[in-house]
Amino acid sequence: MKKYIQYVGIIGLFTLISYLYVWSFVRTGLIYVSSDRIFHLERLEEVYRTMKSGHLLSYISTYSAARVGIATGQGYPSVNLIIYGLIRLILVKPVVSYYSYIIVEQFLGLIVAFYAGWIFFKGSKKSASIFAVILRTSAYVMHNDYGRADIGEAWALIFVPLALIGYYLITARKEYKIGKNNSK
């Protein structure tokens, strides 16, 4: 039972950190301009309006980008935008929905980083938690979320710890299996 209480505490901590990560921006009621934000905001609103009209995803711009049907979003991941669309359908307000979307991104990033840290530090919850918090509140992650506002790269960064821990397990610990008989 103690183990489960610790995990609930970690999830609670990650939830709080995710909220504090956007708190100062949410309270202003503004979405600040940054290098890629306008483009990605249009992609987010495109998904919201597409979902509102009864469809899941649109591969062309029917509500944004001057509504000319251009497929600029095809070079970017779009499945993660469904999360924004669902949030926006529930919360309605675009600013609150946008920052809630970043909260979800940050929370998932903390969970994935914790898992990777837990494997790397051989089950140490404290070390894994510290690793997750330092990684997900790093300058580069914040720059992607706020300075550049590159949603595709920000969401891709969530999974970088998994790739690195996989590489580490294969090369340093040599924890891989070959063939059907699982021999090393």
Protein backbone atom coordinates (compact mmCIF):
# COMPACT_ATOMS: atom_id res chain seq x y z
CA MET A 1 0.00 0.00 0.00
CA LYS A 2 2.91 2.34 0.79
CA LYS A 3 4.22 1.92 -2.76
CA TYR A 4 0.90 3.03 -4.26
CA ILE A 5 0.74 6.06 -1.96
CA GLN A 6 4.22 7.07 -3.17
CA TYR A 7 3.10 6.84 -6.80
CA VAL A 8 -0.04 8.87 -6.05
CA GLY A 9 2.25 11.46 -4.44
CA ILE A 10 4.49 11.52 -7.51
CA ILE A 11 1.47 11.91 -9.81
CA GLY A 12 0.18 14.70 -7.57
CA LEU A 13 3.58 16.40 -7.67
CA PHE A 14 3.71 16.12 -11.46
CA THR A 15 0.19 17.52 -11.73
CA LEU A 16 1.16 20.51 -9.57
CA ILE A 17 4.38 21.10 -11.53
CA SER A 18 2.46 20.90 -14.81
CA TYR A 19 0.00 23.53 -13.59
CA LEU A 20 2.72 25.81 -12.19
CA TYR A 21 4.54 25.49 -15.53
CA VAL A 22 1.77 27.49 -17.21
CA TRP A 23 0.30 29.37 -14.24
CA SER A 24 1.93 32.75 -14.88
CA PHE A 25 0.78 32.65 -18.50
CA VAL A 26 -2.77 31.48 -17.78
CA ARG A 27 -3.43 34.27 -15.31
CA THR A 28 -2.64 36.93 -17.94
CA GLY A 29 -5.38 35.62 -20.21
CA LEU A 30 -3.08 36.06 -23.22
CA ILE A 31 -1.26 33.78 -25.62
CA TYR A 32 2.02 35.52 -26.35
CA VAL A 33 3.49 35.80 -29.82
CA SER A 34 6.52 33.67 -30.63
CA SER A 35 8.27 32.43 -33.74
CA ASP A 36 5.96 29.51 -34.71
CA ARG A 37 2.96 30.16 -32.50
CA ILE A 38 0.59 31.69 -35.07
CA PHE A 39 1.08 28.77 -37.44
CA HIS A 40 0.53 26.18 -34.71
CA LEU A 41 -2.42 28.07 -33.20
CA GLU A 42 -4.08 27.89 -36.59
CA ARG A 43 -3.42 24.15 -36.68
CA LEU A 44 -4.95 23.78 -33.22
CA GLU A 45 -8.02 25.78 -34.15
CA GLU A 46 -8.33 23.81 -37.39
CA VAL A 47 -8.57 20.59 -35.39
CA TYR A 48 -11.06 22.12 -32.95
CA ARG A 49 -13.34 23.37 -35.72
CA THR A 50 -13.01 20.10 -37.62
CA MET A 51 -14.00 18.14 -34.51
CA LYS A 52 -16.81 20.57 -33.80
CA SER A 53 -18.15 19.88 -37.30
CA GLY A 54 -18.18 16.15 -36.56
CA HIS A 55 -14.89 14.98 -38.06
CA LEU A 56 -11.70 13.85 -36.36
CA LEU A 57 -8.91 15.34 -38.49
CA SER A 58 -8.68 17.36 -41.66
CA TYR A 59 -5.67 16.97 -43.88
CA ILE A 60 -6.25 20.31 -45.57
CA SER A 61 -6.91 23.74 -44.10
CA THR A 62 -10.66 24.23 -44.29
CA TYR A 63 -10.91 26.75 -41.44
CA SER A 64 -7.40 28.23 -41.24
CA ALA A 65 -4.61 29.37 -43.59
CA ALA A 66 -7.05 31.55 -45.54
CA ARG A 67 -9.28 28.48 -46.06
CA VAL A 68 -7.62 27.60 -49.35
CA GLY A 69 -7.30 23.88 -48.67
CA ILE A 70 -3.53 23.88 -48.41
CA ALA A 71 -2.02 20.83 -46.70
CA THR A 72 0.74 22.58 -44.73
CA GLY A 73 0.00 20.57 -41.60
CA GLN A 74 0.98 17.32 -43.31
CA GLY A 75 4.62 17.81 -42.39
CA TYR A 76 3.76 17.86 -38.70
CA PRO A 77 2.32 15.29 -36.32
CA SER A 78 -1.41 15.71 -35.96
CA VAL A 79 -2.66 12.98 -33.62
CA ASN A 80 -1.55 14.97 -30.57
CA LEU A 81 -3.75 17.84 -31.77
CA ILE A 82 -6.81 15.71 -31.04
CA ILE A 83 -6.05 16.25 -27.35
CA TYR A 84 -6.32 20.00 -27.89
CA GLY A 85 -9.53 19.59 -29.86
CA LEU A 86 -11.10 17.59 -27.03
CA ILE A 87 -9.92 20.10 -24.41
CA ARG A 88 -11.26 23.01 -26.50
CA LEU A 89 -14.62 21.26 -27.00
CA ILE A 90 -14.93 20.93 -23.22
CA LEU A 91 -13.45 24.23 -22.01
CA VAL A 92 -14.50 26.38 -25.01
CA LYS A 93 -12.17 29.29 -24.13
CA PRO A 94 -9.19 29.25 -26.50
CA VAL A 95 -6.58 30.68 -24.10
CA VAL A 96 -7.46 28.32 -21.24
CA SER A 97 -7.66 25.42 -23.71
CA TYR A 98 -4.23 26.22 -25.12
CA TYR A 99 -2.54 26.32 -21.73
CA SER A 100 -4.44 23.21 -20.60
CA TYR A 101 -3.02 21.49 -23.65
CA ILE A 102 0.48 22.47 -22.52
CA ILE A 103 -0.35 21.16 -19.03
CA VAL A 104 -1.22 17.77 -20.56
CA GLU A 105 1.99 17.82 -22.62
CA GLN A 106 4.06 18.67 -19.55
CA PHE A 107 2.35 16.03 -17.40
CA LEU A 108 2.89 13.28 -20.00
CA GLY A 109 6.50 14.43 -20.38
CA LEU A 110 7.06 14.18 -16.63
CA ILE A 111 5.56 10.68 -16.51
CA VAL A 112 7.68 9.43 -19.44
CA ALA A 113 10.84 11.05 -18.05
CA PHE A 114 10.11 9.53 -14.63
CA TYR A 115 9.77 6.09 -16.19
CA ALA A 116 13.05 6.46 -18.09
CA GLY A 117 14.78 7.76 -14.97
CA TRP A 118 13.32 4.93 -12.90
CA ILE A 119 14.89 2.41 -15.29
CA PHE A 120 18.20 4.29 -15.45
CA PHE A 121 18.47 4.74 -11.69
CA LYS A 122 17.40 1.12 -11.09
CA GLY A 123 14.14 1.79 -9.29
CA SER A 124 15.02 4.93 -7.35
CA LYS A 125 11.83 6.98 -7.30
CA LYS A 126 13.60 10.00 -5.81
CA SER A 127 16.31 10.10 -8.50
CA ALA A 128 13.75 9.44 -11.24
CA SER A 129 11.54 12.27 -9.95
CA ILE A 130 14.43 14.72 -9.80
CA PHE A 131 15.51 13.71 -13.30
CA ALA A 132 11.97 14.18 -14.65
CA VAL A 133 11.52 17.61 -13.07
CA ILE A 134 14.93 18.89 -14.18
CA LEU A 135 14.43 17.60 -17.73
CA ARG A 136 10.88 18.86 -18.22
CA THR A 137 11.56 22.30 -16.73
CA SER A 138 14.80 22.73 -18.64
CA ALA A 139 15.47 25.80 -20.72
CA TYR A 140 15.17 23.87 -23.99
CA VAL A 141 11.76 22.42 -23.18
CA MET A 142 10.54 25.84 -22.04
CA HIS A 143 11.99 27.45 -25.17
CA ASN A 144 10.04 25.00 -27.34
CA ASP A 145 6.82 25.63 -25.43
CA TYR A 146 7.07 29.39 -25.05
CA GLY A 147 9.88 30.87 -27.14
CA ARG A 148 9.32 28.94 -30.34
CA ALA A 149 5.92 27.39 -29.60
CA ASP A 150 6.76 24.49 -31.88
CA ILE A 151 4.05 22.02 -30.87
CA GLY A 152 5.36 19.15 -32.98
CA GLU A 153 8.84 19.30 -31.52
CA ALA A 154 7.54 19.95 -28.01
CA TRP A 155 5.44 16.77 -28.14
CA ALA A 156 8.26 14.80 -29.75
CA LEU A 157 10.53 15.78 -26.85
CA ILE A 158 8.23 13.83 -24.55
CA PHE A 159 9.53 10.59 -26.02
CA VAL A 160 13.26 11.40 -26.21
CA PRO A 161 13.93 9.89 -22.75
CA LEU A 162 12.45 6.58 -23.96
CA ALA A 163 14.76 6.54 -26.95
CA LEU A 164 17.77 7.36 -24.78
CA ILE A 165 16.95 4.76 -22.14
CA GLY A 166 16.46 2.16 -24.88
CA TYR A 167 19.85 3.02 -26.33
CA TYR A 168 21.39 2.86 -22.85
CA LEU A 169 19.85 -0.54 -22.12
CA ILE A 170 21.14 -1.98 -25.38
CA THR A 171 24.66 -0.53 -25.27
CA ALA A 172 25.67 -0.09 -21.64
CA ARG A 173 23.65 -2.75 -19.83
CA LYS A 174 23.43 -5.06 -22.84
CA GLU A 175 19.81 -5.82 -21.92
CA TYR A 176 18.47 -7.06 -25.20
CA LYS A 177 17.17 -10.35 -26.45
CA ILE A 178 18.01 -12.12 -29.69
CA GLY A 179 15.92 -14.76 -31.41
CA LYS A 180 12.84 -16.65 -30.34
CA ASN A 181 14.49 -18.43 -27.41
CA ASN A 182 15.33 -15.08 -25.79
CA SER A 183 19.00 -15.94 -25.35
CA LYS A 184 21.49 -13.15 -24.85
